[in-house]
Amino acid sequence: MNSGIYIGHVAHNRPGKHQLRYSIFMLAIDLDDLPQLSLKRLKHNRPALFSFHDRDHVARIDAPLPPQIAAKLEASGIDWGDGRIVLLTIPRLFNYVFNPLNVYFCYRKDGALTAVVHEVSNTFGEWHFYVLPAHENNGVVTQSCDKQFFVSPFLEMDLRYEFRIRPPGDDVSVAMIVWRGDEVALTASFAGRRRELTDANLLRAWLGNPLMTIKVIAGIHWEALKMWIKGVGFIGRNPKPAQKEAAA
């Protein structure tokens, strides 16, 4: 399989205000591998210690993901050519997961990376897609876009995102710089080192982080509380809430 496990850290830095760093692992799943997925500890659309469910992604329906991502690429005018898609994501653990960010690496059939799609979710059950062409230089993809979706009550909407990405290989990194004009409001990143996707490596990853999916959602609220106590400016909910993505 082309899929793999990436073990590393997620880190956030609000300059002069707040920092965090947590150990996590993510899976880079080549969506073409799903029909032949035969691991005991990772199942596709079935319960297991770890599981990957189509309905956790894109339109949140029980349907294959590649056509759904292909439709978003087409709507954005990106010629993908029906290649392959690698999804960087946290799997369900004990049938629970919350993914603040899923990243879809979209490759043409000749192997060239055409686009990187960022699926951002908030804790209100909403999600949004930033569908961006991939501009790669010396193995690093750079992308940028205006913020369009409410995520944190500590960040306003009038911001700009800059992504710096090293696609999955021996390692992977996804870094986002949030700009407030010429000022950096936040940097957030995940960086990990590849392990083969095997039952043994999944077990090792789990033993090193046995409650990881719970830690993700708990950590979001714990860090928000710490920022509030520190007096980091609380802006609140966007007065015009983003609409939940349509389910069809």
C-alpha atoms as a PDB file:
ATOM      1  CA  MET A   1       0.000   0.000   0.000  1.00  0.00           C
ATOM      2  CA  ASN A   2       1.000   3.620  -0.534  1.00  0.00           C
ATOM      3  CA  SER A   3      -0.645   4.579   2.774  1.00  0.00           C
ATOM      4  CA  GLY A   4       1.375   5.186   5.936  1.00  0.00           C
ATOM      5  CA  ILE A   5       1.402   6.359   9.559  1.00  0.00           C
ATOM      6  CA  TYR A   6       3.006   9.686  10.471  1.00  0.00           C
ATOM      7  CA  ILE A   7       4.029  10.060  14.103  1.00  0.00           C
ATOM      8  CA  GLY A   8       4.884  13.557  15.259  1.00  0.00           C
ATOM      9  CA  HIS A   9       3.645  16.717  16.932  1.00  0.00           C
ATOM     10  CA  VAL A  10       1.088  19.438  16.435  1.00  0.00           C
ATOM     11  CA  ALA A  11       2.142  22.905  17.582  1.00  0.00           C
ATOM     12  CA  HIS A  12       0.446  26.319  17.806  1.00  0.00           C
ATOM     13  CA  ASN A  13       2.046  29.658  18.558  1.00  0.00           C
ATOM     14  CA  ARG A  14       0.281  32.981  19.131  1.00  0.00           C
ATOM     15  CA  PRO A  15       3.313  35.296  19.340  1.00  0.00           C
ATOM     16  CA  GLY A  16       3.719  36.685  22.824  1.00  0.00           C
ATOM     17  CA  LYS A  17       0.407  35.191  23.987  1.00  0.00           C
ATOM     18  CA  HIS A  18       0.153  31.406  23.979  1.00  0.00           C
ATOM     19  CA  GLN A  19       1.894  28.260  22.782  1.00  0.00           C
ATOM     20  CA  LEU A  20       1.041  24.567  22.730  1.00  0.00           C
ATOM     21  CA  ARG A  21       2.632  21.330  21.562  1.00  0.00           C
ATOM     22  CA  TYR A  22       1.059  17.853  21.600  1.00  0.00           C
ATOM     23  CA  SER A  23       2.255  14.490  20.340  1.00  0.00           C
ATOM     24  CA  ILE A  24      -0.151  12.924  17.838  1.00  0.00           C
ATOM     25  CA  PHE A  25      -0.117  10.643  14.840  1.00  0.00           C
ATOM     26  CA  MET A  26      -1.998  10.850  11.576  1.00  0.00           C
ATOM     27  CA  LEU A  27      -2.637   8.473   8.708  1.00  0.00           C
ATOM     28  CA  ALA A  28      -1.866   9.301   5.102  1.00  0.00           C
ATOM     29  CA  ILE A  29      -4.417   7.125   3.318  1.00  0.00           C
ATOM     30  CA  ASP A  30      -4.173   6.642  -0.413  1.00  0.00           C
ATOM     31  CA  LEU A  31      -7.882   6.401  -1.183  1.00  0.00           C
ATOM     32  CA  ASP A  32      -7.108   3.800  -3.859  1.00  0.00           C
ATOM     33  CA  ASP A  33      -5.870   1.523  -1.034  1.00  0.00           C
ATOM     34  CA  LEU A  34      -9.242   1.392   0.734  1.00  0.00           C
ATOM     35  CA  PRO A  35     -10.755  -1.517  -1.251  1.00  0.00           C
ATOM     36  CA  GLN A  36      -7.758  -3.712  -0.323  1.00  0.00           C
ATOM     37  CA  LEU A  37      -7.438  -2.602   3.289  1.00  0.00           C
ATOM     38  CA  SER A  38      -7.081  -5.846   5.249  1.00  0.00           C
ATOM     39  CA  LEU A  39      -5.620  -4.883   8.607  1.00  0.00           C
ATOM     40  CA  LYS A  40      -7.021  -6.259  11.850  1.00  0.00           C
ATOM     41  CA  ARG A  41      -6.691  -2.969  13.736  1.00  0.00           C
ATOM     42  CA  LEU A  42      -7.851  -0.610  10.969  1.00  0.00           C
ATOM     43  CA  LYS A  43     -11.095  -1.140   9.070  1.00  0.00           C
ATOM     44  CA  HIS A  44     -12.850   0.803   6.337  1.00  0.00           C
ATOM     45  CA  ASN A  45     -16.463   1.656   7.267  1.00  0.00           C
ATOM     46  CA  ARG A  46     -16.425  -1.032   9.965  1.00  0.00           C
ATOM     47  CA  PRO A  47     -15.680  -0.919  13.706  1.00  0.00           C
ATOM     48  CA  ALA A  48     -12.183  -1.745  14.947  1.00  0.00           C
ATOM     49  CA  LEU A  49      -9.581  -0.269  17.262  1.00  0.00           C
ATOM     50  CA  PHE A  50      -8.994   2.231  14.443  1.00  0.00           C
ATOM     51  CA  SER A  51     -11.449   2.848  11.639  1.00  0.00           C
ATOM     52  CA  PHE A  52     -11.789   5.077   8.608  1.00  0.00           C
ATOM     53  CA  HIS A  53     -15.345   6.017   7.643  1.00  0.00           C
ATOM     54  CA  ASP A  54     -16.304   7.783   4.431  1.00  0.00           C
ATOM     55  CA  ARG A  55     -19.092   9.603   6.277  1.00  0.00           C
ATOM     56  CA  ASP A  56     -16.532  11.449   8.443  1.00  0.00           C
ATOM     57  CA  HIS A  57     -15.385  13.389   5.370  1.00  0.00           C
ATOM     58  CA  VAL A  58     -16.518  15.699   2.557  1.00  0.00           C
ATOM     59  CA  ALA A  59     -20.346  15.494   2.348  1.00  0.00           C
ATOM     60  CA  ARG A  60     -20.644  13.224   5.431  1.00  0.00           C
ATOM     61  CA  ILE A  61     -22.420  10.483   3.534  1.00  0.00           C
ATOM     62  CA  ASP A  62     -21.705   6.791   2.996  1.00  0.00           C
ATOM     63  CA  ALA A  63     -20.221   7.206  -0.458  1.00  0.00           C
ATOM     64  CA  PRO A  64     -16.732   6.961  -1.973  1.00  0.00           C
ATOM     65  CA  LEU A  65     -14.606  10.041  -1.411  1.00  0.00           C
ATOM     66  CA  PRO A  66     -12.656  10.446  -4.695  1.00  0.00           C
ATOM     67  CA  PRO A  67     -15.708  11.523  -6.775  1.00  0.00           C
ATOM     68  CA  GLN A  68     -16.651  14.014  -4.059  1.00  0.00           C
ATOM     69  CA  ILE A  69     -13.204  15.620  -4.059  1.00  0.00           C
ATOM     70  CA  ALA A  70     -13.087  15.457  -7.871  1.00  0.00           C
ATOM     71  CA  ALA A  71     -16.310  17.506  -7.986  1.00  0.00           C
ATOM     72  CA  LYS A  72     -14.756  20.182  -5.762  1.00  0.00           C
ATOM     73  CA  LEU A  73     -11.644  20.331  -7.947  1.00  0.00           C
ATOM     74  CA  GLU A  74     -13.781  20.664 -11.077  1.00  0.00           C
ATOM     75  CA  ALA A  75     -15.892  23.398  -9.475  1.00  0.00           C
ATOM     76  CA  SER A  76     -12.683  25.294  -8.705  1.00  0.00           C
ATOM     77  CA  GLY A  77     -11.406  24.929 -12.264  1.00  0.00           C
ATOM     78  CA  ILE A  78      -8.533  22.593 -11.363  1.00  0.00           C
ATOM     79  CA  ASP A  79      -7.687  19.912 -13.937  1.00  0.00           C
ATOM     80  CA  TRP A  80      -6.866  16.865 -11.828  1.00  0.00           C
ATOM     81  CA  GLY A  81      -7.173  14.241 -14.547  1.00  0.00           C
ATOM     82  CA  ASP A  82      -8.697  11.509 -12.347  1.00  0.00           C
ATOM     83  CA  GLY A  83      -5.406  10.648 -10.672  1.00  0.00           C
ATOM     84  CA  ARG A  84      -5.008   9.582  -7.065  1.00  0.00           C
ATOM     85  CA  ILE A  85      -5.765  11.246  -3.738  1.00  0.00           C
ATOM     86  CA  VAL A  86      -3.879  10.851  -0.470  1.00  0.00           C
ATOM     87  CA  LEU A  87      -5.754  12.000   2.633  1.00  0.00           C
ATOM     88  CA  LEU A  88      -3.856  13.089   5.747  1.00  0.00           C
ATOM     89  CA  THR A  89      -6.248  12.526   8.645  1.00  0.00           C
ATOM     90  CA  ILE A  90      -6.746  11.256  12.173  1.00  0.00           C
ATOM     91  CA  PRO A  91      -8.648   7.934  12.154  1.00  0.00           C
ATOM     92  CA  ARG A  92     -11.435   7.005  14.502  1.00  0.00           C
ATOM     93  CA  LEU A  93     -10.155   5.462  17.737  1.00  0.00           C
ATOM     94  CA  PHE A  94     -12.743   3.456  19.690  1.00  0.00           C
ATOM     95  CA  ASN A  95     -15.229   4.790  17.107  1.00  0.00           C
ATOM     96  CA  TYR A  96     -14.636   8.487  17.894  1.00  0.00           C
ATOM     97  CA  VAL A  97     -12.739  11.204  16.074  1.00  0.00           C
ATOM     98  CA  PHE A  98     -12.675  14.951  15.638  1.00  0.00           C
ATOM     99  CA  ASN A  99     -10.471  16.296  12.849  1.00  0.00           C
ATOM    100  CA  PRO A 100      -9.831  20.062  12.929  1.00  0.00           C
ATOM    101  CA  LEU A 101      -8.050  19.670   9.590  1.00  0.00           C
ATOM    102  CA  ASN A 102      -8.059  17.014   6.880  1.00  0.00           C
ATOM    103  CA  VAL A 103      -5.669  17.510   3.974  1.00  0.00           C
ATOM    104  CA  TYR A 104      -6.243  15.949   0.531  1.00  0.00           C
ATOM    105  CA  PHE A 105      -3.183  15.696  -1.728  1.00  0.00           C
ATOM    106  CA  CYS A 106      -4.429  15.382  -5.323  1.00  0.00           C
ATOM    107  CA  TYR A 107      -1.979  13.895  -7.826  1.00  0.00           C
ATOM    108  CA  ARG A 108      -2.346  13.602 -11.589  1.00  0.00           C
ATOM    109  CA  LYS A 109      -1.723  10.229 -13.214  1.00  0.00           C
ATOM    110  CA  ASP A 110       1.834  11.317 -14.086  1.00  0.00           C
ATOM    111  CA  GLY A 111       2.534  11.758 -10.348  1.00  0.00           C
ATOM    112  CA  ALA A 112       2.516  15.560 -10.327  1.00  0.00           C
ATOM    113  CA  LEU A 113       0.805  17.158  -7.346  1.00  0.00           C
ATOM    114  CA  THR A 114      -1.997  19.285  -8.779  1.00  0.00           C
ATOM    115  CA  ALA A 115      -3.893  20.552  -5.749  1.00  0.00           C
ATOM    116  CA  VAL A 116      -4.063  20.414  -1.979  1.00  0.00           C
ATOM    117  CA  VAL A 117      -7.555  20.600  -0.495  1.00  0.00           C
ATOM    118  CA  HIS A 118      -7.923  21.684   3.139  1.00  0.00           C
ATOM    119  CA  GLU A 119     -11.058  20.502   4.931  1.00  0.00           C
ATOM    120  CA  VAL A 120     -11.431  22.625   8.080  1.00  0.00           C
ATOM    121  CA  SER A 121     -13.936  21.729  10.817  1.00  0.00           C
ATOM    122  CA  ASN A 122     -15.028  23.622  13.895  1.00  0.00           C
ATOM    123  CA  THR A 123     -16.588  22.404  17.135  1.00  0.00           C
ATOM    124  CA  PHE A 124     -20.060  23.535  16.001  1.00  0.00           C
ATOM    125  CA  GLY A 125     -20.410  20.627  13.576  1.00  0.00           C
ATOM    126  CA  GLU A 126     -19.573  22.748  10.504  1.00  0.00           C
ATOM    127  CA  TRP A 127     -16.886  22.344   7.884  1.00  0.00           C
ATOM    128  CA  HIS A 128     -15.442  24.232   4.956  1.00  0.00           C
ATOM    129  CA  PHE A 129     -13.108  23.493   2.043  1.00  0.00           C
ATOM    130  CA  TYR A 130     -10.201  25.542   0.756  1.00  0.00           C
ATOM    131  CA  VAL A 131      -9.502  24.074  -2.703  1.00  0.00           C
ATOM    132  CA  LEU A 132      -6.129  25.412  -3.814  1.00  0.00           C
ATOM    133  CA  PRO A 133      -3.716  24.627  -6.656  1.00  0.00           C
ATOM    134  CA  ALA A 134      -0.355  23.253  -5.576  1.00  0.00           C
ATOM    135  CA  HIS A 135       2.710  25.376  -6.328  1.00  0.00           C
ATOM    136  CA  GLU A 136       5.706  23.205  -5.483  1.00  0.00           C
ATOM    137  CA  ASN A 137       9.323  24.371  -5.221  1.00  0.00           C
ATOM    138  CA  ASN A 138      12.128  22.110  -3.953  1.00  0.00           C
ATOM    139  CA  GLY A 139       9.573  19.748  -2.428  1.00  0.00           C
ATOM    140  CA  VAL A 140       7.634  22.451  -0.574  1.00  0.00           C
ATOM    141  CA  VAL A 141       4.124  23.520  -1.576  1.00  0.00           C
ATOM    142  CA  THR A 142       3.064  27.093  -0.864  1.00  0.00           C
ATOM    143  CA  GLN A 143      -0.553  28.259  -0.931  1.00  0.00           C
ATOM    144  CA  SER A 144      -2.522  31.215   0.350  1.00  0.00           C
ATOM    145  CA  CYS A 145      -6.134  32.327   0.654  1.00  0.00           C
ATOM    146  CA  ASP A 146      -8.385  34.625   2.654  1.00  0.00           C
ATOM    147  CA  LYS A 147     -10.076  33.205   5.738  1.00  0.00           C
ATOM    148  CA  GLN A 148     -13.696  32.325   4.915  1.00  0.00           C
ATOM    149  CA  PHE A 149     -14.846  30.156   7.813  1.00  0.00           C
ATOM    150  CA  PHE A 150     -15.278  30.607  11.559  1.00  0.00           C
ATOM    151  CA  VAL A 151     -13.056  28.340  13.666  1.00  0.00           C
ATOM    152  CA  SER A 152     -11.787  30.038  16.834  1.00  0.00           C
ATOM    153  CA  PRO A 153     -13.504  32.656  19.031  1.00  0.00           C
ATOM    154  CA  PHE A 154     -10.035  34.131  19.591  1.00  0.00           C
ATOM    155  CA  LEU A 155      -9.499  35.040  15.931  1.00  0.00           C
ATOM    156  CA  GLU A 156     -11.456  37.470  13.792  1.00  0.00           C
ATOM    157  CA  MET A 157     -12.559  36.722  10.226  1.00  0.00           C
ATOM    158  CA  ASP A 158     -10.558  39.414   8.398  1.00  0.00           C
ATOM    159  CA  LEU A 159      -7.384  37.339   8.183  1.00  0.00           C
ATOM    160  CA  ARG A 160      -5.281  35.595   5.551  1.00  0.00           C
ATOM    161  CA  TYR A 161      -3.897  32.046   5.525  1.00  0.00           C
ATOM    162  CA  GLU A 162      -0.526  31.017   4.156  1.00  0.00           C
ATOM    163  CA  PHE A 163       0.222  27.297   3.887  1.00  0.00           C
ATOM    164  CA  ARG A 164       3.659  25.714   3.655  1.00  0.00           C
ATOM    165  CA  ILE A 165       3.464  21.993   3.052  1.00  0.00           C
ATOM    166  CA  ARG A 166       5.839  19.108   2.558  1.00  0.00           C
ATOM    167  CA  PRO A 167       3.728  16.348   0.948  1.00  0.00           C
ATOM    168  CA  PRO A 168       3.791  12.816   2.380  1.00  0.00           C
ATOM    169  CA  GLY A 169       7.075  11.005   1.822  1.00  0.00           C
ATOM    170  CA  ASP A 170       9.613   9.922   4.425  1.00  0.00           C
ATOM    171  CA  ASP A 171       8.116  12.736   6.452  1.00  0.00           C
ATOM    172  CA  VAL A 172       5.247  15.190   6.144  1.00  0.00           C
ATOM    173  CA  SER A 173       4.575  18.694   7.388  1.00  0.00           C
ATOM    174  CA  VAL A 174       1.628  21.045   7.105  1.00  0.00           C
ATOM    175  CA  ALA A 175       2.173  24.539   8.475  1.00  0.00           C
ATOM    176  CA  MET A 176      -0.293  27.411   8.420  1.00  0.00           C
ATOM    177  CA  ILE A 177       0.590  31.028   9.090  1.00  0.00           C
ATOM    178  CA  VAL A 178      -2.358  33.274   9.891  1.00  0.00           C
ATOM    179  CA  TRP A 179      -1.724  36.894   8.913  1.00  0.00           C
ATOM    180  CA  ARG A 180      -3.425  39.941  10.362  1.00  0.00           C
ATOM    181  CA  GLY A 181      -2.222  42.460   7.814  1.00  0.00           C
ATOM    182  CA  ASP A 182       1.585  42.363   8.159  1.00  0.00           C
ATOM    183  CA  GLU A 183       1.399  40.784  11.632  1.00  0.00           C
ATOM    184  CA  VAL A 184       1.486  37.061  12.357  1.00  0.00           C
ATOM    185  CA  ALA A 185      -1.576  36.238  14.456  1.00  0.00           C
ATOM    186  CA  LEU A 186      -0.962  32.480  14.685  1.00  0.00           C
ATOM    187  CA  THR A 187       1.213  29.685  13.377  1.00  0.00           C
ATOM    188  CA  ALA A 188      -0.086  26.122  13.479  1.00  0.00           C
ATOM    189  CA  SER A 189       1.649  23.011  12.228  1.00  0.00           C
ATOM    190  CA  PHE A 190       1.836  19.251  12.160  1.00  0.00           C
ATOM    191  CA  ALA A 191       5.075  17.446  11.359  1.00  0.00           C
ATOM    192  CA  GLY A 192       5.530  13.693  11.404  1.00  0.00           C
ATOM    193  CA  ARG A 193       7.830  10.863  10.392  1.00  0.00           C
ATOM    194  CA  ARG A 194       6.558   7.957   8.308  1.00  0.00           C
ATOM    195  CA  ARG A 195       6.035   4.397   9.498  1.00  0.00           C
ATOM    196  CA  GLU A 196       4.595   1.619   7.393  1.00  0.00           C
ATOM    197  CA  LEU A 197       0.856   1.101   7.844  1.00  0.00           C
ATOM    198  CA  THR A 198       0.840  -2.265   9.620  1.00  0.00           C
ATOM    199  CA  ASP A 199      -1.057  -3.716  12.563  1.00  0.00           C
ATOM    200  CA  ALA A 200       2.139  -3.724  14.640  1.00  0.00           C
ATOM    201  CA  ASN A 201       2.855  -0.053  13.946  1.00  0.00           C
ATOM    202  CA  LEU A 202      -0.756   0.912  14.643  1.00  0.00           C
ATOM    203  CA  LEU A 203      -0.518  -0.838  17.999  1.00  0.00           C
ATOM    204  CA  ARG A 204       2.717   0.971  18.812  1.00  0.00           C
ATOM    205  CA  ALA A 205       1.184   4.301  17.849  1.00  0.00           C
ATOM    206  CA  TRP A 206      -1.853   3.602  20.023  1.00  0.00           C
ATOM    207  CA  LEU A 207       0.248   2.561  23.031  1.00  0.00           C
ATOM    208  CA  GLY A 208       2.144   5.835  22.717  1.00  0.00           C
ATOM    209  CA  ASN A 209      -1.094   7.852  22.544  1.00  0.00           C
ATOM    210  CA  PRO A 210      -3.922   5.655  23.889  1.00  0.00           C
ATOM    211  CA  LEU A 211      -6.588   8.379  24.115  1.00  0.00           C
ATOM    212  CA  MET A 212      -5.479  10.565  21.226  1.00  0.00           C
ATOM    213  CA  THR A 213      -8.862  11.327  19.663  1.00  0.00           C
ATOM    214  CA  ILE A 214     -10.288  12.310  23.053  1.00  0.00           C
ATOM    215  CA  LYS A 215      -7.163  14.398  23.652  1.00  0.00           C
ATOM    216  CA  VAL A 216      -7.762  16.359  20.449  1.00  0.00           C
ATOM    217  CA  ILE A 217     -11.210  17.642  21.396  1.00  0.00           C
ATOM    218  CA  ALA A 218     -10.340  17.986  25.097  1.00  0.00           C
ATOM    219  CA  GLY A 219      -7.168  19.865  24.205  1.00  0.00           C
ATOM    220  CA  ILE A 220      -9.076  22.373  22.076  1.00  0.00           C
ATOM    221  CA  HIS A 221     -11.279  23.338  25.012  1.00  0.00           C
ATOM    222  CA  TRP A 222      -8.449  23.198  27.578  1.00  0.00           C
ATOM    223  CA  GLU A 223      -6.226  25.497  25.541  1.00  0.00           C
ATOM    224  CA  ALA A 224      -9.163  27.868  24.964  1.00  0.00           C
ATOM    225  CA  LEU A 225      -9.685  28.059  28.726  1.00  0.00           C
ATOM    226  CA  LYS A 226      -6.000  28.820  29.283  1.00  0.00           C
ATOM    227  CA  MET A 227      -6.086  31.590  26.661  1.00  0.00           C
ATOM    228  CA  TRP A 228      -9.186  33.081  28.275  1.00  0.00           C
ATOM    229  CA  ILE A 229      -7.464  33.048  31.676  1.00  0.00           C
ATOM    230  CA  LYS A 230      -4.409  34.725  30.137  1.00  0.00           C
ATOM    231  CA  GLY A 231      -6.640  37.472  28.799  1.00  0.00           C
ATOM    232  CA  VAL A 232      -6.166  36.667  25.111  1.00  0.00           C
ATOM    233  CA  GLY A 233      -8.828  38.702  23.329  1.00  0.00           C
ATOM    234  CA  PHE A 234     -12.103  36.757  23.102  1.00  0.00           C
ATOM    235  CA  ILE A 235     -13.950  37.803  19.938  1.00  0.00           C
ATOM    236  CA  GLY A 236     -16.768  35.272  19.981  1.00  0.00           C
ATOM    237  CA  ARG A 237     -18.800  33.690  17.252  1.00  0.00           C
ATOM    238  CA  ASN A 238     -18.885  35.153  13.772  1.00  0.00           C
ATOM    239  CA  PRO A 239     -22.139  37.160  13.662  1.00  0.00           C
ATOM    240  CA  LYS A 240     -23.015  35.415  10.373  1.00  0.00           C
ATOM    241  CA  PRO A 241     -22.380  31.726  11.082  1.00  0.00           C
ATOM    242  CA  ALA A 242     -21.024  29.656   8.224  1.00  0.00           C
ATOM    243  CA  GLN A 243     -23.549  27.219   6.821  1.00  0.00           C
ATOM    244  CA  LYS A 244     -22.999  23.511   7.253  1.00  0.00           C
ATOM    245  CA  GLU A 245     -21.886  21.886   4.018  1.00  0.00           C
ATOM    246  CA  ALA A 246     -24.741  20.274   2.146  1.00  0.00           C
ATOM    247  CA  ALA A 247     -24.991  16.523   2.636  1.00  0.00           C
ATOM    248  CA  ALA A 248     -25.502  15.826  -1.053  1.00  0.00           C
END
